[in-house]
Amino acid sequence: MAQVADRIAVMYAGKIVETGTRREIFYNPQHPYTKGLLNSVPRLDVDGAELIPIAGTPPDLFSPPVGCPFTARCPYAMEVCDKVYPTATKLSESHGVDCWFQDERAKKLLASR
């Protein structure tokens, strides 16, 4: 994909969770699933590099979750993630992500810790 596509859309459980240019997605991923996906790709440029799998299992799409479908597998999940699907956050003209972690309220909470 990195050599063919100019723009990339990352999907999880039938929903687009992040969109951006090739550079934005590969060098500045913002959704936890995108980050996990990139960490689970084999590195051919590093000897002995280990794959880091994404823990857990995908949701049942016959009974999809109400909130973010990645919540059960997300290391950053907050209570709201399970209850409400996140609103889209526009990070730049070409980069967007659907993740509560990008919400200004979450950023303020993290900054106060």
Protein backbone atom coordinates (compact mmCIF):
# COMPACT_ATOMS: atom_id res chain seq x y z
CA MET A 1 0.00 0.00 0.00
CA ALA A 2 2.76 2.44 0.92
CA GLN A 3 4.17 2.24 -2.60
CA VAL A 4 0.87 2.35 -4.50
CA ALA A 5 -1.66 4.54 -2.69
CA ASP A 6 -1.63 8.30 -2.22
CA ARG A 7 -4.53 8.23 0.29
CA ILE A 8 -5.41 5.44 2.70
CA ALA A 9 -8.57 4.60 4.64
CA VAL A 10 -8.18 2.25 7.60
CA MET A 11 -11.25 0.16 8.39
CA TYR A 12 -12.13 -1.80 11.49
CA ALA A 13 -15.30 -3.86 11.83
CA GLY A 14 -16.81 -2.29 8.72
CA LYS A 15 -16.18 1.32 9.76
CA ILE A 16 -13.55 3.71 8.46
CA VAL A 17 -11.64 4.74 11.60
CA GLU A 18 -8.83 6.78 10.03
CA THR A 19 -8.12 8.41 6.67
CA GLY A 20 -5.10 10.27 5.46
CA THR A 21 -2.25 10.52 3.04
CA ARG A 22 0.24 7.69 2.85
CA ARG A 23 2.70 9.75 4.94
CA GLU A 24 0.09 10.63 7.62
CA ILE A 25 -1.05 7.04 8.05
CA PHE A 26 2.40 5.43 8.06
CA TYR A 27 4.33 8.10 9.99
CA ASN A 28 1.67 9.74 12.18
CA PRO A 29 -1.11 7.20 12.84
CA GLN A 30 -3.65 8.48 15.35
CA HIS A 31 -6.16 5.66 15.83
CA PRO A 32 -5.07 2.88 18.22
CA TYR A 33 -6.08 0.26 15.64
CA THR A 34 -3.95 1.90 12.93
CA LYS A 35 -1.00 1.95 15.35
CA GLY A 36 -1.58 -1.70 16.26
CA LEU A 37 -1.89 -2.68 12.62
CA LEU A 38 1.40 -1.00 11.73
CA ASN A 39 3.14 -2.62 14.72
CA SER A 40 1.96 -6.06 13.61
CA VAL A 41 3.56 -5.82 10.15
CA PRO A 42 6.85 -7.72 9.73
CA ARG A 43 9.93 -5.47 9.49
CA LEU A 44 12.25 -6.70 6.79
CA ASP A 45 14.84 -4.01 7.54
CA VAL A 46 15.47 -5.18 11.14
CA ASP A 47 16.99 -8.57 11.97
CA GLY A 48 15.02 -10.47 14.60
CA ALA A 49 12.21 -7.91 14.77
CA GLU A 50 9.22 -9.39 16.54
CA LEU A 51 5.61 -8.91 15.52
CA ILE A 52 3.43 -7.25 18.12
CA PRO A 53 -0.06 -8.73 17.75
CA ILE A 54 -3.22 -6.83 18.59
CA ALA A 55 -4.63 -8.46 21.71
CA GLY A 56 -8.20 -9.74 21.87
CA THR A 57 -10.67 -10.70 19.17
CA PRO A 58 -12.74 -8.66 16.71
CA PRO A 59 -16.35 -7.87 17.68
CA ASP A 60 -19.34 -9.92 16.58
CA LEU A 61 -20.60 -8.07 13.50
CA PHE A 62 -23.99 -9.82 13.70
CA SER A 63 -24.44 -7.87 16.93
CA PRO A 64 -22.10 -4.88 16.52
CA PRO A 65 -21.17 -2.76 19.50
CA VAL A 66 -22.90 0.59 20.04
CA GLY A 67 -19.69 2.53 20.61
CA CYS A 68 -16.30 2.17 19.00
CA PRO A 69 -15.90 -1.39 17.71
CA PHE A 70 -12.23 -1.42 18.77
CA THR A 71 -12.99 -0.69 22.46
CA ALA A 72 -12.52 -4.25 23.76
CA ARG A 73 -9.05 -4.44 22.18
CA CYS A 74 -7.95 -0.84 22.77
CA PRO A 75 -5.25 -0.13 25.36
CA TYR A 76 -6.55 3.47 25.69
CA ALA A 77 -10.29 2.75 25.94
CA MET A 78 -12.35 5.03 28.15
CA GLU A 79 -15.88 4.49 29.44
CA VAL A 80 -17.40 6.63 26.66
CA CYS A 81 -15.80 4.45 23.96
CA ASP A 82 -18.10 1.54 24.80
CA LYS A 83 -21.25 3.67 24.87
CA VAL A 84 -21.04 6.16 21.97
CA TYR A 85 -19.38 5.95 18.57
CA PRO A 86 -16.73 8.71 18.42
CA THR A 87 -17.22 11.80 16.33
CA ALA A 88 -14.81 12.41 13.48
CA THR A 89 -11.84 14.59 14.33
CA LYS A 90 -10.20 16.50 11.50
CA LEU A 91 -6.47 16.60 12.21
CA SER A 92 -5.56 18.33 8.93
CA GLU A 93 -7.12 18.95 5.54
CA SER A 94 -6.31 15.35 4.60
CA HIS A 95 -6.12 13.47 7.92
CA GLY A 96 -9.12 12.42 9.99
CA VAL A 97 -9.78 9.93 12.77
CA ASP A 98 -12.81 8.59 14.66
CA CYS A 99 -11.49 8.18 18.20
CA TRP A 100 -12.53 9.60 21.57
CA PHE A 101 -8.85 9.80 22.45
CA GLN A 102 -8.65 12.77 20.03
CA ASP A 103 -11.49 14.65 21.74
CA GLU A 104 -10.41 17.89 23.46
CA ARG A 105 -11.92 16.68 26.76
CA ALA A 106 -9.74 13.57 26.70
CA LYS A 107 -6.65 15.65 25.90
CA LYS A 108 -7.39 17.95 28.86
CA LEU A 109 -7.87 14.95 31.14
CA LEU A 110 -4.56 13.43 30.05
CA ALA A 111 -2.75 16.76 30.45
CA SER A 112 -4.01 17.10 34.02
CA ARG A 113 -2.51 13.75 35.08
